[in-house]
PDB file of all heavy atoms in Angstrom:
ATOM      1  N   PRO A   1      13.385  60.293 211.583  1.00  0.00           N
ATOM      2  CA  PRO A   1      13.742  59.340 212.640  1.00  0.00           C
ATOM      3  C   PRO A   1      12.610  58.354 212.849  1.00  0.00           C
ATOM      4  O   PRO A   1      11.471  58.588 212.429  1.00  0.00           O
ATOM      5  CB  PRO A   1      13.959  60.234 213.863  1.00  0.00           C
ATOM      6  CG  PRO A   1      13.146  61.450 213.584  1.00  0.00           C
ATOM      7  CD  PRO A   1      13.148  61.636 212.108  1.00  0.00           C
ATOM      8  N   PHE A   2      12.915  57.239 213.506  1.00  0.00           N
ATOM      9  CA  PHE A   2      11.881  56.232 213.721  1.00  0.00           C
ATOM     10  C   PHE A   2      12.160  55.430 214.981  1.00  0.00           C
ATOM     11  O   PHE A   2      13.269  55.448 215.521  1.00  0.00           O
ATOM     12  CB  PHE A   2      11.766  55.297 212.512  1.00  0.00           C
ATOM     13  CG  PHE A   2      13.014  54.508 212.193  1.00  0.00           C
ATOM     14  CD1 PHE A   2      13.255  53.266 212.772  1.00  0.00           C
ATOM     15  CD2 PHE A   2      13.952  55.000 211.299  1.00  0.00           C
ATOM     16  CE1 PHE A   2      14.391  52.531 212.480  1.00  0.00           C
ATOM     17  CE2 PHE A   2      15.103  54.276 210.984  1.00  0.00           C
ATOM     18  CZ  PHE A   2      15.321  53.038 211.573  1.00  0.00           C
ATOM     19  N   VAL A   3      11.119  54.737 215.431  1.00  0.00           N
ATOM     20  CA  VAL A   3      11.216  53.780 216.527  1.00  0.00           C
ATOM     21  C   VAL A   3      11.032  52.393 215.941  1.00  0.00           C
ATOM     22  O   VAL A   3      10.168  52.176 215.083  1.00  0.00           O
ATOM     23  CB  VAL A   3      10.146  54.052 217.595  1.00  0.00           C
ATOM     24  CG1 VAL A   3       9.910  52.829 218.462  1.00  0.00           C
ATOM     25  CG2 VAL A   3      10.559  55.227 218.477  1.00  0.00           C
ATOM     26  N   VAL A   4      11.855  51.441 216.388  1.00  0.00           N
ATOM     27  CA  VAL A   4      11.709  50.053 215.960  1.00  0.00           C
ATOM     28  C   VAL A   4      11.578  49.168 217.192  1.00  0.00           C
ATOM     29  O   VAL A   4      12.233  49.389 218.215  1.00  0.00           O
ATOM     30  CB  VAL A   4      12.899  49.613 215.075  1.00  0.00           C
ATOM     31  CG1 VAL A   4      14.223  49.739 215.810  1.00  0.00           C
ATOM     32  CG2 VAL A   4      12.701  48.184 214.580  1.00  0.00           C
ATOM     33  N   VAL A   5      10.693  48.188 217.114  1.00  0.00           N
ATOM     34  CA  VAL A   5      10.453  47.254 218.211  1.00  0.00           C
ATOM     35  C   VAL A   5      11.493  46.138 218.143  1.00  0.00           C
ATOM     36  O   VAL A   5      11.556  45.400 217.157  1.00  0.00           O
ATOM     37  CB  VAL A   5       9.031  46.660 218.131  1.00  0.00           C
ATOM     38  CG1 VAL A   5       8.818  45.634 219.247  1.00  0.00           C
ATOM     39  CG2 VAL A   5       7.989  47.767 218.216  1.00  0.00           C
ATOM     40  N   LEU A   6      12.295  46.003 219.185  1.00  0.00           N
ATOM     41  CA  LEU A   6      13.344  44.979 219.236  1.00  0.00           C
ATOM     42  C   LEU A   6      12.921  43.730 219.996  1.00  0.00           C
ATOM     43  O   LEU A   6      13.639  42.732 219.992  1.00  0.00           O
ATOM     44  CB  LEU A   6      14.611  45.552 219.871  1.00  0.00           C
ATOM     45  CG  LEU A   6      15.278  46.721 219.137  1.00  0.00           C
ATOM     46  CD1 LEU A   6      16.529  47.160 219.870  1.00  0.00           C
ATOM     47  CD2 LEU A   6      15.596  46.349 217.691  1.00  0.00           C
ATOM     48  N   GLY A   7      11.777  43.792 220.651  1.00  0.00           N
ATOM     49  CA  GLY A   7      11.280  42.632 221.385  1.00  0.00           C
ATOM     50  C   GLY A   7       9.903  42.909 221.942  1.00  0.00           C
ATOM     51  O   GLY A   7       9.554  44.069 222.199  1.00  0.00           O
ATOM     52  N   ILE A   8       9.097  41.862 222.114  1.00  0.00           N
ATOM     53  CA  ILE A   8       7.718  42.048 222.588  1.00  0.00           C
ATOM     54  C   ILE A   8       7.389  41.175 223.801  1.00  0.00           C
ATOM     55  O   ILE A   8       6.298  41.273 224.349  1.00  0.00           O
ATOM     56  CB  ILE A   8       6.699  41.753 221.477  1.00  0.00           C
ATOM     57  CG1 ILE A   8       6.722  40.258 221.106  1.00  0.00           C
ATOM     58  CG2 ILE A   8       6.949  42.621 220.251  1.00  0.00           C
ATOM     59  CD1 ILE A   8       5.516  39.803 220.307  1.00  0.00           C
ATOM     60  N   ALA A   9       8.315  40.315 224.220  1.00  0.00           N
ATOM     61  CA  ALA A   9       8.018  39.360 225.293  1.00  0.00           C
ATOM     62  C   ALA A   9       8.271  39.958 226.670  1.00  0.00           C
ATOM     63  O   ALA A   9       8.964  40.955 226.828  1.00  0.00           O
ATOM     64  CB  ALA A   9       8.851  38.096 225.110  1.00  0.00           C
ATOM     65  N   GLN A  10       7.711  39.309 227.676  1.00  0.00           N
ATOM     66  CA  GLN A  10       7.965  39.643 229.076  1.00  0.00           C
ATOM     67  C   GLN A  10       9.451  39.389 229.354  1.00  0.00           C
ATOM     68  O   GLN A  10      10.157  38.802 228.544  1.00  0.00           O
ATOM     69  CB  GLN A  10       7.039  38.789 229.958  1.00  0.00           C
ATOM     70  CG  GLN A  10       7.170  39.004 231.440  1.00  0.00           C
ATOM     71  CD  GLN A  10       8.038  37.929 232.100  1.00  0.00           C
ATOM     72  OE1 GLN A  10       8.618  37.075 231.444  1.00  0.00           O
ATOM     73  NE2 GLN A  10       8.122  37.990 233.421  1.00  0.00           N
ATOM     74  N   ASP A  11       9.920  39.813 230.513  1.00  0.00           N
ATOM     75  CA  ASP A  11      11.343  39.802 230.872  1.00  0.00           C
ATOM     76  C   ASP A  11      12.099  38.535 230.466  1.00  0.00           C
ATOM     77  O   ASP A  11      13.262  38.593 230.063  1.00  0.00           O
ATOM     78  CB  ASP A  11      11.499  39.978 232.383  1.00  0.00           C
ATOM     79  CG  ASP A  11      10.902  41.277 232.897  1.00  0.00           C
ATOM     80  OD1 ASP A  11       9.814  41.659 232.420  1.00  0.00           O
ATOM     81  OD2 ASP A  11      11.513  41.897 233.782  1.00  0.00           O
ATOM     82  N   ALA A  12      11.457  37.368 230.594  1.00  0.00           N
ATOM     83  CA  ALA A  12      12.128  36.089 230.372  1.00  0.00           C
ATOM     84  C   ALA A  12      12.174  35.661 228.913  1.00  0.00           C
ATOM     85  O   ALA A  12      12.756  34.635 228.584  1.00  0.00           O
ATOM     86  CB  ALA A  12      11.451  35.001 231.204  1.00  0.00           C
ATOM     87  N   GLY A  13      11.566  36.445 228.027  1.00  0.00           N
ATOM     88  CA  GLY A  13      11.560  36.084 226.620  1.00  0.00           C
ATOM     89  C   GLY A  13      10.560  34.979 226.308  1.00  0.00           C
ATOM     90  O   GLY A  13       9.851  34.475 227.184  1.00  0.00           O
ATOM     91  N   PHE A  14      10.524  34.598 225.030  1.00  0.00           N
ATOM     92  CA  PHE A  14       9.598  33.560 224.556  1.00  0.00           C
ATOM     93  C   PHE A  14      10.321  32.691 223.546  1.00  0.00           C
ATOM     94  O   PHE A  14      10.740  33.194 222.520  1.00  0.00           O
ATOM     95  CB  PHE A  14       8.378  34.231 223.916  1.00  0.00           C
ATOM     96  CG  PHE A  14       7.336  33.275 223.388  1.00  0.00           C
ATOM     97  CD1 PHE A  14       6.704  32.378 224.240  1.00  0.00           C
ATOM     98  CD2 PHE A  14       6.976  33.277 222.042  1.00  0.00           C
ATOM     99  CE1 PHE A  14       5.723  31.509 223.757  1.00  0.00           C
ATOM    100  CE2 PHE A  14       6.001  32.420 221.555  1.00  0.00           C
ATOM    101  CZ  PHE A  14       5.377  31.533 222.406  1.00  0.00           C
ATOM    102  N   PRO A  15      10.559  31.410 223.870  1.00  0.00           N
ATOM    103  CA  PRO A  15      10.047  30.642 225.003  1.00  0.00           C
ATOM    104  C   PRO A  15      10.787  30.981 226.297  1.00  0.00           C
ATOM    105  O   PRO A  15      11.872  31.545 226.255  1.00  0.00           O
ATOM    106  CB  PRO A  15      10.331  29.197 224.588  1.00  0.00           C
ATOM    107  CG  PRO A  15      11.554  29.302 223.740  1.00  0.00           C
ATOM    108  CD  PRO A  15      11.396  30.584 222.982  1.00  0.00           C
ATOM    109  N   GLN A  16      10.205  30.588 227.398  1.00  0.00           N
ATOM    110  CA  GLN A  16      10.800  30.878 228.704  1.00  0.00           C
ATOM    111  C   GLN A  16      11.585  29.673 229.204  1.00  0.00           C
ATOM    112  O   GLN A  16      11.221  28.521 228.962  1.00  0.00           O
ATOM    113  CB  GLN A  16       9.698  31.232 229.704  1.00  0.00           C
ATOM    114  CG  GLN A  16      10.222  31.623 231.079  1.00  0.00           C
ATOM    115  CD  GLN A  16       9.149  32.218 231.954  1.00  0.00           C
ATOM    116  OE1 GLN A  16       8.507  33.198 231.608  1.00  0.00           O
ATOM    117  NE2 GLN A  16       8.936  31.611 233.121  1.00  0.00           N
ATOM    118  N   ALA A  17      12.672  29.944 229.892  1.00  0.00           N
ATOM    119  CA  ALA A  17      13.536  28.882 230.416  1.00  0.00           C
ATOM    120  C   ALA A  17      12.738  27.834 231.184  1.00  0.00           C
ATOM    121  O   ALA A  17      11.871  28.181 231.997  1.00  0.00           O
ATOM    122  CB  ALA A  17      14.609  29.483 231.323  1.00  0.00           C
ATOM    123  N   ALA A  18      13.029  26.581 230.894  1.00  0.00           N
ATOM    124  CA  ALA A  18      12.470  25.417 231.595  1.00  0.00           C
ATOM    125  C   ALA A  18      10.996  25.174 231.307  1.00  0.00           C
ATOM    126  O   ALA A  18      10.399  24.272 231.898  1.00  0.00           O
ATOM    127  CB  ALA A  18      12.688  25.523 233.103  1.00  0.00           C
ATOM    128  N   CYS A  19      10.390  25.948 230.404  1.00  0.00           N
ATOM    129  CA  CYS A  19       8.973  25.734 230.109  1.00  0.00           C
ATOM    130  C   CYS A  19       8.820  24.608 229.087  1.00  0.00           C
ATOM    131  O   CYS A  19       9.364  24.686 227.983  1.00  0.00           O
ATOM    132  CB  CYS A  19       8.325  27.008 229.585  1.00  0.00           C
ATOM    133  SG  CYS A  19       6.549  26.799 229.247  1.00  0.00           S
ATOM    134  N   THR A  20       8.075  23.569 229.481  1.00  0.00           N
ATOM    135  CA  THR A  20       7.796  22.454 228.576  1.00  0.00           C
ATOM    136  C   THR A  20       6.302  22.356 228.267  1.00  0.00           C
ATOM    137  O   THR A  20       5.821  21.345 227.750  1.00  0.00           O
ATOM    138  CB  THR A  20       8.268  21.129 229.210  1.00  0.00           C
ATOM    139  OG1 THR A  20       7.623  20.947 230.483  1.00  0.00           O
ATOM    140  CG2 THR A  20       9.781  21.142 229.411  1.00  0.00           C
ATOM    141  N   LYS A  21       5.571  23.427 228.587  1.00  0.00           N
ATOM    142  CA  LYS A  21       4.128  23.449 228.352  1.00  0.00           C
ATOM    143  C   LYS A  21       3.826  23.689 226.876  1.00  0.00           C
ATOM    144  O   LYS A  21       4.711  24.032 226.079  1.00  0.00           O
ATOM    145  CB  LYS A  21       3.478  24.532 229.214  1.00  0.00           C
ATOM    146  CG  LYS A  21       3.669  24.315 230.715  1.00  0.00           C
ATOM    147  CD  LYS A  21       3.088  25.479 231.506  1.00  0.00           C
ATOM    148  CE  LYS A  21       3.318  25.315 233.001  1.00  0.00           C
ATOM    149  NZ  LYS A  21       2.804  26.474 233.783  1.00  0.00           N
ATOM    150  N   ASP A  22       2.560  23.574 226.540  1.00  0.00           N
ATOM    151  CA  ASP A  22       2.144  23.715 225.148  1.00  0.00           C
ATOM    152  C   ASP A  22       2.464  25.097 224.581  1.00  0.00           C
ATOM    153  O   ASP A  22       2.703  25.234 223.385  1.00  0.00           O
ATOM    154  CB  ASP A  22       0.642  23.448 225.018  1.00  0.00           C
ATOM    155  CG  ASP A  22       0.295  21.969 225.225  1.00  0.00           C
ATOM    156  OD1 ASP A  22       1.226  21.137 225.125  1.00  0.00           O
ATOM    157  OD2 ASP A  22      -0.877  21.667 225.484  1.00  0.00           O
ATOM    158  N   CYS A  23       2.491  26.114 225.456  1.00  0.00           N
ATOM    159  CA  CYS A  23       2.739  27.477 224.969  1.00  0.00           C
ATOM    160  C   CYS A  23       4.134  27.626 224.377  1.00  0.00           C
ATOM    161  O   CYS A  23       4.357  28.404 223.440  1.00  0.00           O
ATOM    162  CB  CYS A  23       2.521  28.511 226.074  1.00  0.00           C
ATOM    163  SG  CYS A  23       3.547  28.256 227.554  1.00  0.00           S
ATOM    164  N   CYS A  24       5.106  26.872 224.925  1.00  0.00           N
ATOM    165  CA  CYS A  24       6.501  27.029 224.499  1.00  0.00           C
ATOM    166  C   CYS A  24       7.038  25.865 223.668  1.00  0.00           C
ATOM    167  O   CYS A  24       8.081  26.020 223.006  1.00  0.00           O
ATOM    168  CB  CYS A  24       7.399  27.232 225.720  1.00  0.00           C
ATOM    169  SG  CYS A  24       7.209  28.862 226.511  1.00  0.00           S
ATOM    170  N   LYS A  25       6.387  24.709 223.690  1.00  0.00           N
ATOM    171  CA  LYS A  25       6.888  23.537 222.969  1.00  0.00           C
ATOM    172  C   LYS A  25       7.210  23.830 221.509  1.00  0.00           C
ATOM    173  O   LYS A  25       8.311  23.531 221.032  1.00  0.00           O
ATOM    174  CB  LYS A  25       5.876  22.393 223.061  1.00  0.00           C
ATOM    175  CG  LYS A  25       5.964  21.579 224.338  1.00  0.00           C
ATOM    176  CD  LYS A  25       4.972  20.423 224.293  1.00  0.00           C
ATOM    177  CE  LYS A  25       5.032  19.605 225.580  1.00  0.00           C
ATOM    178  NZ  LYS A  25       4.035  18.495 225.552  1.00  0.00           N
ATOM    179  N   PRO A  26       6.269  24.410 220.739  1.00  0.00           N
ATOM    180  CA  PRO A  26       6.578  24.640 219.317  1.00  0.00           C
ATOM    181  C   PRO A  26       7.664  25.675 219.096  1.00  0.00           C
ATOM    182  O   PRO A  26       8.359  25.650 218.078  1.00  0.00           O
ATOM    183  CB  PRO A  26       5.234  25.106 218.736  1.00  0.00           C
ATOM    184  CG  PRO A  26       4.469  25.645 219.900  1.00  0.00           C
ATOM    185  CD  PRO A  26       4.888  24.813 221.064  1.00  0.00           C
ATOM    186  N   VAL A  27       7.833  26.565 220.053  1.00  0.00           N
ATOM    187  CA  VAL A  27       8.819  27.636 219.903  1.00  0.00           C
ATOM    188  C   VAL A  27      10.233  27.098 220.102  1.00  0.00           C
ATOM    189  O   VAL A  27      11.175  27.572 219.456  1.00  0.00           O
ATOM    190  CB  VAL A  27       8.520  28.784 220.891  1.00  0.00           C
ATOM    191  CG1 VAL A  27       9.334  30.012 220.531  1.00  0.00           C
ATOM    192  CG2 VAL A  27       7.027  29.135 220.879  1.00  0.00           C
ATOM    193  N   TRP A  28      10.382  26.105 220.991  1.00  0.00           N
ATOM    194  CA  TRP A  28      11.689  25.469 221.157  1.00  0.00           C
ATOM    195  C   TRP A  28      12.114  24.782 219.866  1.00  0.00           C
ATOM    196  O   TRP A  28      13.296  24.724 219.523  1.00  0.00           O
ATOM    197  CB  TRP A  28      11.652  24.447 222.290  1.00  0.00           C
ATOM    198  CG  TRP A  28      11.586  25.030 223.671  1.00  0.00           C
ATOM    199  CD1 TRP A  28      10.615  24.829 224.600  1.00  0.00           C
ATOM    200  CD2 TRP A  28      12.538  25.910 224.292  1.00  0.00           C
ATOM    201  NE1 TRP A  28      10.878  25.524 225.756  1.00  0.00           N
ATOM    202  CE2 TRP A  28      12.068  26.197 225.590  1.00  0.00           C
ATOM    203  CE3 TRP A  28      13.730  26.491 223.869  1.00  0.00           C
ATOM    204  CZ2 TRP A  28      12.739  27.027 226.477  1.00  0.00           C
ATOM    205  CZ3 TRP A  28      14.417  27.323 224.750  1.00  0.00           C
ATOM    206  CH2 TRP A  28      13.923  27.578 226.031  1.00  0.00           C
ATOM    207  N   LYS A  29      11.155  24.273 219.119  1.00  0.00           N
ATOM    208  CA  LYS A  29      11.455  23.534 217.889  1.00  0.00           C
ATOM    209  C   LYS A  29      11.661  24.449 216.682  1.00  0.00           C
ATOM    210  O   LYS A  29      12.393  24.098 215.756  1.00  0.00           O
ATOM    211  CB  LYS A  29      10.316  22.547 217.595  1.00  0.00           C
ATOM    212  CG  LYS A  29      10.152  21.461 218.653  1.00  0.00           C
ATOM    213  CD  LYS A  29       8.981  20.553 218.328  1.00  0.00           C
ATOM    214  CE  LYS A  29       8.797  19.485 219.390  1.00  0.00           C
ATOM    215  NZ  LYS A  29       7.632  18.598 219.086  1.00  0.00           N
ATOM    216  N   ASP A  30      11.001  25.595 216.692  1.00  0.00           N
ATOM    217  CA  ASP A  30      11.059  26.500 215.543  1.00  0.00           C
ATOM    218  C   ASP A  30      11.565  27.867 215.997  1.00  0.00           C
ATOM    219  O   ASP A  30      10.823  28.653 216.572  1.00  0.00           O
ATOM    220  CB  ASP A  30       9.662  26.638 214.917  1.00  0.00           C
ATOM    221  CG  ASP A  30       9.651  27.493 213.650  1.00  0.00           C
ATOM    222  OD1 ASP A  30      10.704  28.086 213.311  1.00  0.00           O
ATOM    223  OD2 ASP A  30       8.586  27.590 213.018  1.00  0.00           O
ATOM    224  N   SER A  31      12.824  28.171 215.732  1.00  0.00           N
ATOM    225  CA  SER A  31      13.433  29.412 216.226  1.00  0.00           C
ATOM    226  C   SER A  31      12.795  30.657 215.626  1.00  0.00           C
ATOM    227  O   SER A  31      12.899  31.745 216.192  1.00  0.00           O
ATOM    228  CB  SER A  31      14.937  29.418 215.936  1.00  0.00           C
ATOM    229  OG  SER A  31      15.180  29.349 214.540  1.00  0.00           O
ATOM    230  N   SER A  32      12.118  30.527 214.493  1.00  0.00           N
ATOM    231  CA  SER A  32      11.478  31.701 213.882  1.00  0.00           C
ATOM    232  C   SER A  32      10.321  32.225 214.725  1.00  0.00           C
ATOM    233  O   SER A  32       9.883  33.365 214.552  1.00  0.00           O
ATOM    234  CB  SER A  32      10.965  31.360 212.477  1.00  0.00           C
ATOM    235  OG  SER A  32       9.871  30.456 212.528  1.00  0.00           O
ATOM    236  N   LEU A  33       9.827  31.404 215.650  1.00  0.00           N
ATOM    237  CA  LEU A  33       8.716  31.809 216.512  1.00  0.00           C
ATOM    238  C   LEU A  33       9.193  32.526 217.766  1.00  0.00           C
ATOM    239  O   LEU A  33       8.382  33.079 218.511  1.00  0.00           O
ATOM    240  CB  LEU A  33       7.893  30.582 216.918  1.00  0.00           C
ATOM    241  CG  LEU A  33       7.254  29.777 215.780  1.00  0.00           C
ATOM    242  CD1 LEU A  33       6.574  28.534 216.342  1.00  0.00           C
ATOM    243  CD2 LEU A  33       6.270  30.635 214.998  1.00  0.00           C
ATOM    244  N   ARG A  34      10.489  32.523 218.014  1.00  0.00           N
ATOM    245  CA  ARG A  34      11.012  33.108 219.246  1.00  0.00           C
ATOM    246  C   ARG A  34      10.873  34.625 219.243  1.00  0.00           C
ATOM    247  O   ARG A  34      10.987  35.270 218.209  1.00  0.00           O
ATOM    248  CB  ARG A  34      12.479  32.706 219.441  1.00  0.00           C
ATOM    249  CG  ARG A  34      12.638  31.205 219.609  1.00  0.00           C
ATOM    250  CD  ARG A  34      14.071  30.794 219.877  1.00  0.00           C
ATOM    251  NE  ARG A  34      14.153  29.341 220.038  1.00  0.00           N
ATOM    252  CZ  ARG A  34      15.244  28.689 220.377  1.00  0.00           C
ATOM    253  NH1 ARG A  34      16.382  29.353 220.587  1.00  0.00           N
ATOM    254  NH2 ARG A  34      15.220  27.374 220.505  1.00  0.00           N
ATOM    255  N   ARG A  35      10.679  35.170 220.437  1.00  0.00           N
ATOM    256  CA  ARG A  35      10.546  36.619 220.579  1.00  0.00           C
ATOM    257  C   ARG A  35      11.405  37.083 221.748  1.00  0.00           C
ATOM    258  O   ARG A  35      11.444  36.458 222.802  1.00  0.00           O
ATOM    259  CB  ARG A  35       9.073  37.020 220.817  1.00  0.00           C
ATOM    260  CG  ARG A  35       8.170  36.728 219.619  1.00  0.00           C
ATOM    261  CD  ARG A  35       8.553  37.537 218.413  1.00  0.00           C
ATOM    262  NE  ARG A  35       7.732  37.256 217.236  1.00  0.00           N
ATOM    263  CZ  ARG A  35       8.071  36.424 216.251  1.00  0.00           C
ATOM    264  NH1 ARG A  35       9.221  35.758 216.330  1.00  0.00           N
ATOM    265  NH2 ARG A  35       7.280  36.257 215.220  1.00  0.00           N
ATOM    266  N   PHE A  36      12.094  38.208 221.558  1.00  0.00           N
ATOM    267  CA  PHE A  36      12.998  38.742 222.564  1.00  0.00           C
ATOM    268  C   PHE A  36      12.220  39.531 223.619  1.00  0.00           C
ATOM    269  O   PHE A  36      11.066  39.913 223.411  1.00  0.00           O
ATOM    270  CB  PHE A  36      14.029  39.655 221.914  1.00  0.00           C
ATOM    271  CG  PHE A  36      14.792  39.016 220.777  1.00  0.00           C
ATOM    272  CD1 PHE A  36      15.075  39.732 219.623  1.00  0.00           C
ATOM    273  CD2 PHE A  36      15.229  37.707 220.866  1.00  0.00           C
ATOM    274  CE1 PHE A  36      15.775  39.157 218.575  1.00  0.00           C
ATOM    275  CE2 PHE A  36      15.936  37.111 219.826  1.00  0.00           C
ATOM    276  CZ  PHE A  36      16.211  37.837 218.670  1.00  0.00           C
ATOM    277  N   ALA A  37      12.888  39.789 224.741  1.00  0.00           N
ATOM    278  CA  ALA A  37      12.296  40.616 225.799  1.00  0.00           C
ATOM    279  C   ALA A  37      12.039  42.030 225.267  1.00  0.00           C
ATOM    280  O   ALA A  37      12.733  42.518 224.373  1.00  0.00           O
ATOM    281  CB  ALA A  37      13.219  40.655 227.004  1.00  0.00           C
ATOM    282  N   THR A  38      11.068  42.683 225.850  1.00  0.00           N
ATOM    283  CA  THR A  38      10.584  43.965 225.333  1.00  0.00           C
ATOM    284  C   THR A  38      11.635  45.071 225.362  1.00  0.00           C
ATOM    285  O   THR A  38      12.249  45.343 226.390  1.00  0.00           O
ATOM    286  CB  THR A  38       9.345  44.413 226.127  1.00  0.00           C
ATOM    287  OG1 THR A  38       8.274  43.499 225.843  1.00  0.00           O
ATOM    288  CG2 THR A  38       8.918  45.824 225.754  1.00  0.00           C
ATOM    289  N   SER A  39      11.798  45.707 224.214  1.00  0.00           N
ATOM    290  CA  SER A  39      12.723  46.833 224.088  1.00  0.00           C
ATOM    291  C   SER A  39      12.380  47.601 222.830  1.00  0.00           C
ATOM    292  O   SER A  39      11.893  47.028 221.843  1.00  0.00           O
ATOM    293  CB  SER A  39      14.169  46.331 224.014  1.00  0.00           C
ATOM    294  OG  SER A  39      15.075  47.389 223.768  1.00  0.00           O
ATOM    295  N   LEU A  40      12.638  48.895 222.857  1.00  0.00           N
ATOM    296  CA  LEU A  40      12.511  49.738 221.673  1.00  0.00           C
ATOM    297  C   LEU A  40      13.867  50.356 221.356  1.00  0.00           C
ATOM    298  O   LEU A  40      14.690  50.558 222.246  1.00  0.00           O
ATOM    299  CB  LEU A  40      11.516  50.886 221.892  1.00  0.00           C
ATOM    300  CG  LEU A  40      10.065  50.576 222.245  1.00  0.00           C
ATOM    301  CD1 LEU A  40       9.273  51.887 222.320  1.00  0.00           C
ATOM    302  CD2 LEU A  40       9.426  49.630 221.252  1.00  0.00           C
ATOM    303  N   ALA A  41      14.085  50.666 220.088  1.00  0.00           N
ATOM    304  CA  ALA A  41      15.231  51.477 219.687  1.00  0.00           C
ATOM    305  C   ALA A  41      14.708  52.730 219.009  1.00  0.00           C
ATOM    306  O   ALA A  41      13.722  52.688 218.266  1.00  0.00           O
ATOM    307  CB  ALA A  41      16.145  50.711 218.745  1.00  0.00           C
ATOM    308  N   ILE A  42      15.360  53.844 219.290  1.00  0.00           N
ATOM    309  CA  ILE A  42      15.075  55.108 218.609  1.00  0.00           C
ATOM    310  C   ILE A  42      16.239  55.355 217.664  1.00  0.00           C
ATOM    311  O   ILE A  42      17.402  55.320 218.084  1.00  0.00           O
ATOM    312  CB  ILE A  42      14.944  56.268 219.598  1.00  0.00           C
ATOM    313  CG1 ILE A  42      13.920  55.945 220.689  1.00  0.00           C
ATOM    314  CG2 ILE A  42      14.558  57.564 218.880  1.00  0.00           C
ATOM    315  CD1 ILE A  42      13.927  56.927 221.851  1.00  0.00           C
ATOM    316  N   VAL A  43      15.945  55.603 216.395  1.00  0.00           N
ATOM    317  CA  VAL A  43      16.993  55.753 215.388  1.00  0.00           C
ATOM    318  C   VAL A  43      16.805  57.051 214.621  1.00  0.00           C
ATOM    319  O   VAL A  43      15.692  57.374 214.182  1.00  0.00           O
ATOM    320  CB  VAL A  43      16.965  54.569 214.390  1.00  0.00           C
ATOM    321  CG1 VAL A  43      18.040  54.743 213.316  1.00  0.00           C
ATOM    322  CG2 VAL A  43      17.144  53.243 215.118  1.00  0.00           C
TER     323      VAL A  43
END
């Protein structure tokens, strides 16, 4: 069995809604940089 990480971001995800700051600007443009809210799966 194993654990897999399904997300590493805080509750709001990355990028965060309405954020136009430098931290999120490139992520809005490049979907490969996006990260989901934190969760693990046990399989």
